[in-house]
Amino acid sequence: MKTCKTTFKKTLQQAAAIFLVTTIVSCETEIPATDDVDPNFSIRIYGNDFDHTFDQGDDFDNFQLLLREDDEYNFVLTGSDAGGLQRLEMVFQPLFLEFNATITSPWQRTNFSTQSDLISWTGDSSAPLTGTILQGTFIAKGSPTGGTPISISARDYGGSSIYQNLSGGTIDTYVREGGQAAVINH
């Protein structure tokens, strides 16, 4: 009974957090005359006793994400910028990370090759939004030598100038048999 109660409480907290993020990051805004603040992004990966959120403040050169082979994980990808988010992208290798999400416009999924897929959201400058959110699942299917990266980037309009602000990072991801999912610093 206690496990069921804990699971329900955790599910309720996650639903409330997703509702709050959706409400906050999808407001209409105006593109400012000047904008020198980088956009924010995050990806929360959770499931199978693992829960970690990566964002623009992380030092992507100094850690690795270890996932257990054939396990399914949930993800919540968000991007935001007070002056309007122009684009949010995630690139991954579909042979090793099998992503499943409901992709509706303005989200798109582009298959570049068997080695690379892109999930992206593009804003509309005539009706700019402060952000977006995408949730789904993925299965860790295996890992090539050197790992399988998950690259995320967020770009804003940059105000009235032609120079956009960009933030991003690459999560070095390794899939292994057995063992618990973890973030390992090096």
C-alpha atoms as a PDB file:
ATOM      1  CA  MET A   1       0.000   0.000   0.000  1.00  0.00           C
ATOM      2  CA  LYS A   2       2.817   2.392   0.876  1.00  0.00           C
ATOM      3  CA  THR A   3       4.471   1.817  -2.543  1.00  0.00           C
ATOM      4  CA  CYS A   4       1.203   2.546  -4.342  1.00  0.00           C
ATOM      5  CA  LYS A   5       0.703   5.724  -2.292  1.00  0.00           C
ATOM      6  CA  THR A   6       4.299   6.875  -2.971  1.00  0.00           C
ATOM      7  CA  THR A   7       3.921   6.189  -6.706  1.00  0.00           C
ATOM      8  CA  PHE A   8       0.641   8.119  -6.839  1.00  0.00           C
ATOM      9  CA  LYS A   9       2.162  11.059  -4.962  1.00  0.00           C
ATOM     10  CA  LYS A  10       5.181  11.125  -7.307  1.00  0.00           C
ATOM     11  CA  THR A  11       2.925  10.961 -10.389  1.00  0.00           C
ATOM     12  CA  LEU A  12       0.773  13.792  -9.063  1.00  0.00           C
ATOM     13  CA  GLN A  13       3.878  15.940  -8.396  1.00  0.00           C
ATOM     14  CA  GLN A  14       5.168  15.288 -11.920  1.00  0.00           C
ATOM     15  CA  ALA A  15       1.815  16.185 -13.485  1.00  0.00           C
ATOM     16  CA  ALA A  16       1.687  19.428 -11.466  1.00  0.00           C
ATOM     17  CA  ALA A  17       5.253  20.307 -12.481  1.00  0.00           C
ATOM     18  CA  ILE A  18       4.515  19.678 -16.176  1.00  0.00           C
ATOM     19  CA  PHE A  19       1.346  21.797 -15.966  1.00  0.00           C
ATOM     20  CA  LEU A  20       3.282  24.615 -14.290  1.00  0.00           C
ATOM     21  CA  VAL A  21       6.100  24.483 -16.855  1.00  0.00           C
ATOM     22  CA  THR A  22       3.603  24.405 -19.734  1.00  0.00           C
ATOM     23  CA  THR A  23       1.788  27.423 -18.320  1.00  0.00           C
ATOM     24  CA  ILE A  24       5.001  29.373 -17.723  1.00  0.00           C
ATOM     25  CA  VAL A  25       6.904  28.617 -20.927  1.00  0.00           C
ATOM     26  CA  SER A  26       4.166  29.087 -23.489  1.00  0.00           C
ATOM     27  CA  CYS A  27       3.135  32.710 -22.962  1.00  0.00           C
ATOM     28  CA  GLU A  28       3.024  35.149 -25.847  1.00  0.00           C
ATOM     29  CA  THR A  29       5.636  37.892 -25.697  1.00  0.00           C
ATOM     30  CA  GLU A  30       7.162  40.693 -27.730  1.00  0.00           C
ATOM     31  CA  ILE A  31      10.613  40.506 -29.262  1.00  0.00           C
ATOM     32  CA  PRO A  32      12.622  43.263 -27.530  1.00  0.00           C
ATOM     33  CA  ALA A  33      14.747  45.818 -29.355  1.00  0.00           C
ATOM     34  CA  THR A  34      17.869  44.375 -27.770  1.00  0.00           C
ATOM     35  CA  ASP A  35      18.370  40.958 -26.225  1.00  0.00           C
ATOM     36  CA  ASP A  36      21.740  39.794 -24.948  1.00  0.00           C
ATOM     37  CA  VAL A  37      20.435  37.071 -22.608  1.00  0.00           C
ATOM     38  CA  ASP A  38      20.899  33.460 -23.706  1.00  0.00           C
ATOM     39  CA  PRO A  39      17.793  31.259 -23.791  1.00  0.00           C
ATOM     40  CA  ASN A  40      17.271  28.501 -21.226  1.00  0.00           C
ATOM     41  CA  PHE A  41      16.836  24.813 -21.943  1.00  0.00           C
ATOM     42  CA  SER A  42      16.494  21.662 -19.888  1.00  0.00           C
ATOM     43  CA  ILE A  43      15.929  17.984 -20.374  1.00  0.00           C
ATOM     44  CA  ARG A  44      14.695  15.885 -17.521  1.00  0.00           C
ATOM     45  CA  ILE A  45      15.335  12.160 -17.904  1.00  0.00           C
ATOM     46  CA  TYR A  46      13.656   9.862 -15.406  1.00  0.00           C
ATOM     47  CA  GLY A  47      12.524   6.294 -14.863  1.00  0.00           C
ATOM     48  CA  ASN A  48      13.842   3.012 -13.470  1.00  0.00           C
ATOM     49  CA  ASP A  49      14.973   4.642 -10.200  1.00  0.00           C
ATOM     50  CA  PHE A  50      16.772   7.451 -12.055  1.00  0.00           C
ATOM     51  CA  ASP A  51      15.831  11.140 -12.198  1.00  0.00           C
ATOM     52  CA  HIS A  52      18.128  13.913 -13.418  1.00  0.00           C
ATOM     53  CA  THR A  53      17.633  17.281 -15.121  1.00  0.00           C
ATOM     54  CA  PHE A  54      20.311  18.710 -17.416  1.00  0.00           C
ATOM     55  CA  ASP A  55      20.299  22.410 -18.339  1.00  0.00           C
ATOM     56  CA  GLN A  56      22.418  25.259 -19.751  1.00  0.00           C
ATOM     57  CA  GLY A  57      24.185  25.658 -16.393  1.00  0.00           C
ATOM     58  CA  ASP A  58      25.779  22.192 -16.531  1.00  0.00           C
ATOM     59  CA  ASP A  59      29.423  21.625 -17.453  1.00  0.00           C
ATOM     60  CA  PHE A  60      28.784  19.130 -20.262  1.00  0.00           C
ATOM     61  CA  ASP A  61      32.501  18.388 -20.703  1.00  0.00           C
ATOM     62  CA  ASN A  62      32.827  16.897 -17.234  1.00  0.00           C
ATOM     63  CA  PHE A  63      30.211  14.153 -16.901  1.00  0.00           C
ATOM     64  CA  GLN A  64      28.714  11.124 -18.629  1.00  0.00           C
ATOM     65  CA  LEU A  65      25.193   9.755 -18.537  1.00  0.00           C
ATOM     66  CA  LEU A  66      25.074   5.971 -18.086  1.00  0.00           C
ATOM     67  CA  LEU A  67      21.828   4.217 -19.015  1.00  0.00           C
ATOM     68  CA  ARG A  68      20.840   0.567 -18.671  1.00  0.00           C
ATOM     69  CA  GLU A  69      20.345  -1.264 -21.975  1.00  0.00           C
ATOM     70  CA  ASP A  70      16.730  -1.976 -22.996  1.00  0.00           C
ATOM     71  CA  ASP A  71      15.295   0.228 -20.220  1.00  0.00           C
ATOM     72  CA  GLU A  72      12.661   2.802 -21.108  1.00  0.00           C
ATOM     73  CA  TYR A  73      13.104   6.351 -19.788  1.00  0.00           C
ATOM     74  CA  ASN A  74      10.773   9.363 -19.783  1.00  0.00           C
ATOM     75  CA  PHE A  75      11.972  12.773 -20.904  1.00  0.00           C
ATOM     76  CA  VAL A  76      10.704  16.339 -20.669  1.00  0.00           C
ATOM     77  CA  LEU A  77      12.485  18.799 -22.995  1.00  0.00           C
ATOM     78  CA  THR A  78      11.904  22.520 -22.413  1.00  0.00           C
ATOM     79  CA  GLY A  79      13.226  25.753 -23.867  1.00  0.00           C
ATOM     80  CA  SER A  80      12.436  29.328 -22.865  1.00  0.00           C
ATOM     81  CA  ASP A  81      13.421  32.953 -23.404  1.00  0.00           C
ATOM     82  CA  ALA A  82      11.633  36.058 -22.090  1.00  0.00           C
ATOM     83  CA  GLY A  83      12.233  37.814 -25.432  1.00  0.00           C
ATOM     84  CA  GLY A  84      10.836  34.923 -27.470  1.00  0.00           C
ATOM     85  CA  LEU A  85      12.226  31.473 -28.203  1.00  0.00           C
ATOM     86  CA  GLN A  86      13.031  31.011 -31.883  1.00  0.00           C
ATOM     87  CA  ARG A  87      14.205  27.387 -31.976  1.00  0.00           C
ATOM     88  CA  LEU A  88      14.747  24.359 -29.738  1.00  0.00           C
ATOM     89  CA  GLU A  89      16.544  21.275 -31.078  1.00  0.00           C
ATOM     90  CA  MET A  90      17.580  17.835 -29.910  1.00  0.00           C
ATOM     91  CA  VAL A  91      19.855  15.595 -32.025  1.00  0.00           C
ATOM     92  CA  PHE A  92      20.385  11.902 -31.201  1.00  0.00           C
ATOM     93  CA  GLN A  93      21.356   8.576 -32.780  1.00  0.00           C
ATOM     94  CA  PRO A  94      18.145   6.548 -33.307  1.00  0.00           C
ATOM     95  CA  LEU A  95      19.981   3.214 -33.544  1.00  0.00           C
ATOM     96  CA  PHE A  96      21.032   3.553 -29.916  1.00  0.00           C
ATOM     97  CA  LEU A  97      18.343   5.796 -28.393  1.00  0.00           C
ATOM     98  CA  GLU A  98      14.856   5.033 -29.685  1.00  0.00           C
ATOM     99  CA  PHE A  99      12.807   8.191 -28.967  1.00  0.00           C
ATOM    100  CA  ASN A 100       9.023   8.116 -28.940  1.00  0.00           C
ATOM    101  CA  ALA A 101       7.059  11.351 -28.626  1.00  0.00           C
ATOM    102  CA  THR A 102       3.897  12.740 -30.156  1.00  0.00           C
ATOM    103  CA  ILE A 103       5.235  15.253 -32.667  1.00  0.00           C
ATOM    104  CA  THR A 104       2.698  17.885 -33.715  1.00  0.00           C
ATOM    105  CA  SER A 105       3.288  21.194 -35.491  1.00  0.00           C
ATOM    106  CA  PRO A 106       5.313  23.330 -34.888  1.00  0.00           C
ATOM    107  CA  TRP A 107       7.430  20.385 -33.634  1.00  0.00           C
ATOM    108  CA  GLN A 108       9.138  18.320 -36.350  1.00  0.00           C
ATOM    109  CA  ARG A 109      11.183  15.139 -36.493  1.00  0.00           C
ATOM    110  CA  THR A 110      13.763  14.924 -39.266  1.00  0.00           C
ATOM    111  CA  ASN A 111      15.684  11.750 -40.121  1.00  0.00           C
ATOM    112  CA  PHE A 112      19.107  12.742 -41.470  1.00  0.00           C
ATOM    113  CA  SER A 113      20.388   9.168 -41.696  1.00  0.00           C
ATOM    114  CA  THR A 114      20.452   5.985 -39.636  1.00  0.00           C
ATOM    115  CA  GLN A 115      23.059   7.803 -37.533  1.00  0.00           C
ATOM    116  CA  SER A 116      21.229  11.030 -36.732  1.00  0.00           C
ATOM    117  CA  ASP A 117      17.695  12.295 -36.048  1.00  0.00           C
ATOM    118  CA  LEU A 118      16.580  15.809 -35.154  1.00  0.00           C
ATOM    119  CA  ILE A 119      13.551  16.763 -33.092  1.00  0.00           C
ATOM    120  CA  SER A 120      12.966  20.522 -33.354  1.00  0.00           C
ATOM    121  CA  TRP A 121      10.517  23.292 -32.573  1.00  0.00           C
ATOM    122  CA  THR A 122      10.518  26.574 -34.511  1.00  0.00           C
ATOM    123  CA  GLY A 123       8.748  29.657 -33.220  1.00  0.00           C
ATOM    124  CA  ASP A 124       6.803  32.218 -35.234  1.00  0.00           C
ATOM    125  CA  SER A 125       8.245  35.758 -35.107  1.00  0.00           C
ATOM    126  CA  SER A 126       4.797  37.253 -35.796  1.00  0.00           C
ATOM    127  CA  ALA A 127       3.460  35.575 -32.631  1.00  0.00           C
ATOM    128  CA  PRO A 128       6.535  34.816 -30.489  1.00  0.00           C
ATOM    129  CA  LEU A 129       6.248  32.574 -27.446  1.00  0.00           C
ATOM    130  CA  THR A 130       8.444  32.535 -24.361  1.00  0.00           C
ATOM    131  CA  GLY A 131       8.978  28.797 -24.703  1.00  0.00           C
ATOM    132  CA  THR A 132       7.873  25.279 -25.410  1.00  0.00           C
ATOM    133  CA  ILE A 133       7.833  21.787 -23.928  1.00  0.00           C
ATOM    134  CA  LEU A 134       7.940  18.249 -25.339  1.00  0.00           C
ATOM    135  CA  GLN A 135       7.578  15.044 -23.391  1.00  0.00           C
ATOM    136  CA  GLY A 136       7.910  11.436 -24.385  1.00  0.00           C
ATOM    137  CA  THR A 137       9.915   8.291 -23.813  1.00  0.00           C
ATOM    138  CA  PHE A 138      12.986   6.604 -25.198  1.00  0.00           C
ATOM    139  CA  ILE A 139      14.556   3.168 -24.983  1.00  0.00           C
ATOM    140  CA  ALA A 140      18.305   2.786 -24.521  1.00  0.00           C
ATOM    141  CA  LYS A 141      19.150   0.258 -27.243  1.00  0.00           C
ATOM    142  CA  GLY A 142      22.917  -0.009 -27.044  1.00  0.00           C
ATOM    143  CA  SER A 143      25.987   2.134 -27.397  1.00  0.00           C
ATOM    144  CA  PRO A 144      28.717   2.428 -30.009  1.00  0.00           C
ATOM    145  CA  THR A 145      32.346   2.790 -28.995  1.00  0.00           C
ATOM    146  CA  GLY A 146      32.665   6.325 -27.662  1.00  0.00           C
ATOM    147  CA  GLY A 147      29.026   6.624 -26.602  1.00  0.00           C
ATOM    148  CA  THR A 148      25.948   8.094 -28.204  1.00  0.00           C
ATOM    149  CA  PRO A 149      25.465  11.860 -27.759  1.00  0.00           C
ATOM    150  CA  ILE A 150      22.258  13.745 -27.049  1.00  0.00           C
ATOM    151  CA  SER A 151      22.787  17.328 -28.265  1.00  0.00           C
ATOM    152  CA  ILE A 152      20.405  20.126 -27.312  1.00  0.00           C
ATOM    153  CA  SER A 153      20.408  23.744 -28.451  1.00  0.00           C
ATOM    154  CA  ALA A 154      18.109  26.703 -27.885  1.00  0.00           C
ATOM    155  CA  ARG A 155      18.132  29.957 -29.864  1.00  0.00           C
ATOM    156  CA  ASP A 156      16.227  33.193 -29.377  1.00  0.00           C
ATOM    157  CA  TYR A 157      15.452  36.056 -31.773  1.00  0.00           C
ATOM    158  CA  GLY A 158      18.239  38.270 -30.431  1.00  0.00           C
ATOM    159  CA  GLY A 159      16.046  41.326 -30.306  1.00  0.00           C
ATOM    160  CA  SER A 160      15.981  43.483 -33.440  1.00  0.00           C
ATOM    161  CA  SER A 161      19.586  42.659 -34.292  1.00  0.00           C
ATOM    162  CA  ILE A 162      20.601  39.810 -36.577  1.00  0.00           C
ATOM    163  CA  TYR A 163      22.666  38.257 -33.790  1.00  0.00           C
ATOM    164  CA  GLN A 164      20.774  35.538 -31.999  1.00  0.00           C
ATOM    165  CA  ASN A 165      21.639  34.213 -28.575  1.00  0.00           C
ATOM    166  CA  LEU A 166      22.379  30.518 -28.408  1.00  0.00           C
ATOM    167  CA  SER A 167      22.797  28.011 -25.594  1.00  0.00           C
ATOM    168  CA  GLY A 168      23.335  24.299 -25.814  1.00  0.00           C
ATOM    169  CA  GLY A 169      25.180  21.236 -24.705  1.00  0.00           C
ATOM    170  CA  THR A 170      25.921  17.627 -25.553  1.00  0.00           C
ATOM    171  CA  ILE A 171      25.232  14.868 -23.066  1.00  0.00           C
ATOM    172  CA  ASP A 172      27.794  12.082 -23.543  1.00  0.00           C
ATOM    173  CA  THR A 173      25.575   9.039 -23.129  1.00  0.00           C
ATOM    174  CA  TYR A 174      26.650   5.428 -22.705  1.00  0.00           C
ATOM    175  CA  VAL A 175      24.330   2.431 -22.667  1.00  0.00           C
ATOM    176  CA  ARG A 176      25.454  -0.640 -20.762  1.00  0.00           C
ATOM    177  CA  GLU A 177      24.152  -4.035 -19.731  1.00  0.00           C
ATOM    178  CA  GLY A 178      23.094  -4.192 -16.118  1.00  0.00           C
ATOM    179  CA  GLY A 179      23.925  -1.540 -13.584  1.00  0.00           C
ATOM    180  CA  GLN A 180      21.756   1.360 -12.559  1.00  0.00           C
ATOM    181  CA  ALA A 181      21.437   4.535 -14.635  1.00  0.00           C
ATOM    182  CA  ALA A 182      23.689   7.279 -13.263  1.00  0.00           C
ATOM    183  CA  VAL A 183      25.483  10.540 -13.983  1.00  0.00           C
ATOM    184  CA  ILE A 184      29.224  10.057 -13.525  1.00  0.00           C
ATOM    185  CA  ASN A 185      31.578  13.039 -13.160  1.00  0.00           C
ATOM    186  CA  HIS A 186      35.069  12.754 -14.608  1.00  0.00           C
END
